[in-house]
PDB file of N, CA and C in Angstrom:
ATOM      1  N   UNK A   1      89.746 111.112 101.700  1.00  0.00           N
ATOM      2  CA  UNK A   1      89.171 110.026 102.470  1.00  0.00           C
ATOM      3  C   UNK A   1      89.267 108.733 101.655  1.00  0.00           C
ATOM      4  N   UNK A   2      89.696 107.686 102.317  1.00  0.00           N
ATOM      5  CA  UNK A   2      89.838 106.395 101.652  1.00  0.00           C
ATOM      6  C   UNK A   2      88.685 105.476 102.043  1.00  0.00           C
ATOM      7  N   UNK A   3      88.388 104.541 101.165  1.00  0.00           N
ATOM      8  CA  UNK A   3      87.313 103.594 101.458  1.00  0.00           C
ATOM      9  C   UNK A   3      87.767 102.560 102.487  1.00  0.00           C
ATOM     10  N   UNK A   4      86.796 101.917 103.105  1.00  0.00           N
ATOM     11  CA  UNK A   4      87.103 100.867 104.078  1.00  0.00           C
ATOM     12  C   UNK A   4      87.843  99.714 103.409  1.00  0.00           C
ATOM     13  N   UNK A   5      87.564  99.478 102.136  1.00  0.00           N
ATOM     14  CA  UNK A   5      88.223  98.372 101.452  1.00  0.00           C
ATOM     15  C   UNK A   5      89.715  98.646 101.254  1.00  0.00           C
ATOM     16  N   UNK A   6      90.093  99.913 101.032  1.00  0.00           N
ATOM     17  CA  UNK A   6      91.507 100.263 100.895  1.00  0.00           C
ATOM     18  C   UNK A   6      92.217 100.061 102.237  1.00  0.00           C
ATOM     19  N   UNK A   7      91.593 100.535 103.309  1.00  0.00           N
ATOM     20  CA  UNK A   7      92.174 100.356 104.639  1.00  0.00           C
ATOM     21  C   UNK A   7      92.263  98.864 104.975  1.00  0.00           C
ATOM     22  N   UNK A   8      91.249  98.117 104.626  1.00  0.00           N
ATOM     23  CA  UNK A   8      91.263  96.668 104.850  1.00  0.00           C
ATOM     24  C   UNK A   8      92.381  95.990 104.090  1.00  0.00           C
ATOM     25  N   UNK A   9      92.615  96.424 102.874  1.00  0.00           N
ATOM     26  CA  UNK A   9      93.707  95.862 102.070  1.00  0.00           C
ATOM     27  C   UNK A   9      95.051  96.190 102.713  1.00  0.00           C
ATOM     28  N   UNK A  10      95.204  97.399 103.230  1.00  0.00           N
ATOM     29  CA  UNK A  10      96.435  97.794 103.914  1.00  0.00           C
ATOM     30  C   UNK A  10      96.678  96.908 105.128  1.00  0.00           C
ATOM     31  N   UNK A  11      95.648  96.666 105.896  1.00  0.00           N
ATOM     32  CA  UNK A  11      95.772  95.812 107.083  1.00  0.00           C
ATOM     33  C   UNK A  11      96.147  94.390 106.673  1.00  0.00           C
ATOM     34  N   UNK A  12      95.512  93.872 105.637  1.00  0.00           N
ATOM     35  CA  UNK A  12      95.812  92.527 105.138  1.00  0.00           C
ATOM     36  C   UNK A  12      97.278  92.428 104.709  1.00  0.00           C
ATOM     37  N   UNK A  13      97.741  93.413 103.949  1.00  0.00           N
ATOM     38  CA  UNK A  13      99.123  93.407 103.476  1.00  0.00           C
ATOM     39  C   UNK A  13     100.118  93.501 104.638  1.00  0.00           C
ATOM     40  N   UNK A  14      99.788  94.289 105.647  1.00  0.00           N
ATOM     41  CA  UNK A  14     100.665  94.418 106.810  1.00  0.00           C
ATOM     42  C   UNK A  14     100.732  93.110 107.583  1.00  0.00           C
ATOM     43  N   UNK A  15      99.582  92.455 107.768  1.00  0.00           N
ATOM     44  CA  UNK A  15      99.555  91.172 108.464  1.00  0.00           C
ATOM     45  C   UNK A  15     100.330  90.101 107.704  1.00  0.00           C
ATOM     46  N   UNK A  16     100.461  90.290 106.391  1.00  0.00           N
ATOM     47  CA  UNK A  16     101.263  89.379 105.564  1.00  0.00           C
ATOM     48  C   UNK A  16     102.756  89.679 105.680  1.00  0.00           C
ATOM     49  N   UNK A  17     103.110  90.735 106.427  1.00  0.00           N
ATOM     50  CA  UNK A  17     104.516  91.039 106.678  1.00  0.00           C
ATOM     51  C   UNK A  17     105.130  92.043 105.732  1.00  0.00           C
ATOM     52  N   UNK A  18     104.312  92.833 105.050  1.00  0.00           N
ATOM     53  CA  UNK A  18     104.827  93.820 104.113  1.00  0.00           C
ATOM     54  C   UNK A  18     105.165  95.133 104.812  1.00  0.00           C
ATOM     55  N   UNK A  19     106.195  95.796 104.328  1.00  0.00           N
ATOM     56  CA  UNK A  19     106.612  97.088 104.872  1.00  0.00           C
ATOM     57  C   UNK A  19     105.675  98.195 104.390  1.00  0.00           C
ATOM     58  N   UNK A  20     105.764  99.349 105.042  1.00  0.00           N
ATOM     59  CA  UNK A  20     104.974 100.500 104.604  1.00  0.00           C
ATOM     60  C   UNK A  20     105.308 100.853 103.153  1.00  0.00           C
ATOM     61  N   UNK A  21     106.569 100.757 102.776  1.00  0.00           N
ATOM     62  CA  UNK A  21     106.969 101.090 101.401  1.00  0.00           C
ATOM     63  C   UNK A  21     106.274 100.188 100.387  1.00  0.00           C
ATOM     64  N   UNK A  22     106.253  98.899 100.674  1.00  0.00           N
ATOM     65  CA  UNK A  22     105.613  97.948  99.757  1.00  0.00           C
ATOM     66  C   UNK A  22     104.115  98.201  99.699  1.00  0.00           C
ATOM     67  N   UNK A  23     103.504  98.370 100.865  1.00  0.00           N
ATOM     68  CA  UNK A  23     102.058  98.609 100.908  1.00  0.00           C
ATOM     69  C   UNK A  23     101.715  99.905 100.179  1.00  0.00           C
ATOM     70  N   UNK A  24     102.477 100.946 100.440  1.00  0.00           N
ATOM     71  CA  UNK A  24     102.245 102.242  99.807  1.00  0.00           C
ATOM     72  C   UNK A  24     102.294 102.141  98.288  1.00  0.00           C
ATOM     73  N   UNK A  25     103.266 101.405  97.784  1.00  0.00           N
ATOM     74  CA  UNK A  25     103.385 101.281  96.330  1.00  0.00           C
ATOM     75  C   UNK A  25     102.263 100.436  95.728  1.00  0.00           C
ATOM     76  N   UNK A  26     101.747  99.485  96.483  1.00  0.00           N
ATOM     77  CA  UNK A  26     100.680  98.614  95.970  1.00  0.00           C
ATOM     78  C   UNK A  26      99.312  99.284  95.973  1.00  0.00           C
ATOM     79  N   UNK A  27      99.034 100.108  96.996  1.00  0.00           N
ATOM     80  CA  UNK A  27      97.678 100.669  97.093  1.00  0.00           C
ATOM     81  C   UNK A  27      97.644 102.193  96.996  1.00  0.00           C
ATOM     82  N   UNK A  28      98.793 102.799  96.735  1.00  0.00           N
ATOM     83  CA  UNK A  28      98.886 104.254  96.524  1.00  0.00           C
ATOM     84  C   UNK A  28      98.327 105.068  97.690  1.00  0.00           C
ATOM     85  N   UNK A  29      98.800 104.733  98.879  1.00  0.00           N
ATOM     86  CA  UNK A  29      98.445 105.459 100.093  1.00  0.00           C
ATOM     87  C   UNK A  29      99.754 105.914 100.733  1.00  0.00           C
ATOM     88  N   UNK A  30      99.788 107.155 101.198  1.00  0.00           N
ATOM     89  CA  UNK A  30     101.005 107.705 101.805  1.00  0.00           C
ATOM     90  C   UNK A  30     101.414 106.895 103.038  1.00  0.00           C
ATOM     91  N   UNK A  31     102.728 106.785 103.251  1.00  0.00           N
ATOM     92  CA  UNK A  31     103.237 106.055 104.405  1.00  0.00           C
ATOM     93  C   UNK A  31     102.754 106.667 105.716  1.00  0.00           C
ATOM     94  N   UNK A  32     102.587 107.971 105.758  1.00  0.00           N
ATOM     95  CA  UNK A  32     102.096 108.612 106.984  1.00  0.00           C
ATOM     96  C   UNK A  32     100.672 108.158 107.308  1.00  0.00           C
ATOM     97  N   UNK A  33      99.855 107.977 106.290  1.00  0.00           N
ATOM     98  CA  UNK A  33      98.495 107.469 106.487  1.00  0.00           C
ATOM     99  C   UNK A  33      98.543 106.023 106.949  1.00  0.00           C
ATOM    100  N   UNK A  34      99.412 105.235 106.323  1.00  0.00           N
ATOM    101  CA  UNK A  34      99.568 103.837 106.730  1.00  0.00           C
ATOM    102  C   UNK A  34     100.012 103.740 108.185  1.00  0.00           C
ATOM    103  N   UNK A  35     100.914 104.609 108.573  1.00  0.00           N
ATOM    104  CA  UNK A  35     101.402 104.616 109.948  1.00  0.00           C
ATOM    105  C   UNK A  35     100.249 104.809 110.931  1.00  0.00           C
ATOM    106  N   UNK A  36      99.349 105.693 110.600  1.00  0.00           N
ATOM    107  CA  UNK A  36      98.186 105.936 111.450  1.00  0.00           C
ATOM    108  C   UNK A  36      97.251 104.723 111.458  1.00  0.00           C
ATOM    109  N   UNK A  37      96.976 104.183 110.303  1.00  0.00           N
ATOM    110  CA  UNK A  37      96.064 103.058 110.195  1.00  0.00           C
ATOM    111  C   UNK A  37      96.607 101.797 110.857  1.00  0.00           C
ATOM    112  N   UNK A  38      97.920 101.578 110.740  1.00  0.00           N
ATOM    113  CA  UNK A  38      98.505 100.286 111.079  1.00  0.00           C
ATOM    114  C   UNK A  38      99.279 100.272 112.389  1.00  0.00           C
ATOM    115  N   UNK A  39      99.153 101.330 113.171  1.00  0.00           N
ATOM    116  CA  UNK A  39      99.953 101.431 114.403  1.00  0.00           C
ATOM    117  C   UNK A  39      99.686 100.289 115.378  1.00  0.00           C
ATOM    118  N   UNK A  40      98.517  99.680 115.323  1.00  0.00           N
ATOM    119  CA  UNK A  40      98.183  98.587 116.234  1.00  0.00           C
ATOM    120  C   UNK A  40      98.287  97.206 115.591  1.00  0.00           C
ATOM    121  N   UNK A  41      98.779  97.149 114.347  1.00  0.00           N
ATOM    122  CA  UNK A  41      98.923  95.871 113.649  1.00  0.00           C
ATOM    123  C   UNK A  41     100.367  95.396 113.820  1.00  0.00           C
ATOM    124  N   UNK A  42     100.560  94.238 114.453  1.00  0.00           N
ATOM    125  CA  UNK A  42     101.923  93.739 114.661  1.00  0.00           C
ATOM    126  C   UNK A  42     102.650  93.529 113.333  1.00  0.00           C
ATOM    127  N   UNK A  43     103.954  93.811 113.333  1.00  0.00           N
ATOM    128  CA  UNK A  43     104.752  93.662 112.115  1.00  0.00           C
ATOM    129  C   UNK A  43     105.739  92.525 112.280  1.00  0.00           C
ATOM    130  N   UNK A  44     105.551  91.482 111.496  1.00  0.00           N
ATOM    131  CA  UNK A  44     106.488  90.375 111.400  1.00  0.00           C
ATOM    132  C   UNK A  44     106.918  90.312 109.939  1.00  0.00           C
ATOM    133  N   UNK A  45     108.134  90.801 109.631  1.00  0.00           N
ATOM    134  CA  UNK A  45     108.564  90.907 108.232  1.00  0.00           C
ATOM    135  C   UNK A  45     108.501  89.579 107.489  1.00  0.00           C
ATOM    136  N   UNK A  46     108.052  89.631 106.243  1.00  0.00           N
ATOM    137  CA  UNK A  46     108.057  88.445 105.395  1.00  0.00           C
ATOM    138  C   UNK A  46     109.420  88.317 104.720  1.00  0.00           C
ATOM    139  N   UNK A  47     109.595  87.259 103.948  1.00  0.00           N
ATOM    140  CA  UNK A  47     110.898  86.989 103.321  1.00  0.00           C
ATOM    141  C   UNK A  47     111.320  88.097 102.369  1.00  0.00           C
ATOM    142  N   UNK A  48     110.384  88.691 101.654  1.00  0.00           N
ATOM    143  CA  UNK A  48     110.709  89.772 100.719  1.00  0.00           C
ATOM    144  C   UNK A  48     111.285  90.968 101.467  1.00  0.00           C
ATOM    145  N   UNK A  49     110.676  91.318 102.573  1.00  0.00           N
ATOM    146  CA  UNK A  49     111.133  92.466 103.373  1.00  0.00           C
ATOM    147  C   UNK A  49     112.501  92.156 103.962  1.00  0.00           C
ATOM    148  N   UNK A  50     112.670  90.962 104.502  1.00  0.00           N
ATOM    149  CA  UNK A  50     113.952  90.591 105.091  1.00  0.00           C
ATOM    150  C   UNK A  50     115.059  90.560 104.047  1.00  0.00           C
ATOM    151  N   UNK A  51     114.740  90.088 102.853  1.00  0.00           N
ATOM    152  CA  UNK A  51     115.727  90.020 101.771  1.00  0.00           C
ATOM    153  C   UNK A  51     116.181  91.422 101.359  1.00  0.00           C
ATOM    154  N   UNK A  52     115.271  92.371 101.322  1.00  0.00           N
ATOM    155  CA  UNK A  52     115.588  93.733 100.902  1.00  0.00           C
ATOM    156  C   UNK A  52     116.381  94.509 101.941  1.00  0.00           C
ATOM    157  N   UNK A  53     116.416  94.028 103.174  1.00  0.00           N
ATOM    158  CA  UNK A  53     117.164  94.692 104.239  1.00  0.00           C
ATOM    159  C   UNK A  53     118.651  94.390 104.162  1.00  0.00           C
ATOM    160  N   UNK A  54     119.021  93.278 103.557  1.00  0.00           N
ATOM    161  CA  UNK A  54     120.444  92.888 103.522  1.00  0.00           C
ATOM    162  C   UNK A  54     121.192  93.480 102.368  1.00  0.00           C
TER     163      UNK A  54
END
């Protein structure tokens, strides 16, 4: 079980445009957990994410 502050940080990072991989590495939460938590948070990739795709 994770604290509300960890979930809140995940939501904040996602709203900033970070991918599940980036968020997972920053807060040590599995991508599958992030997927569940963040399914309703819109994803607009930030420059770092867009740069890593090319």
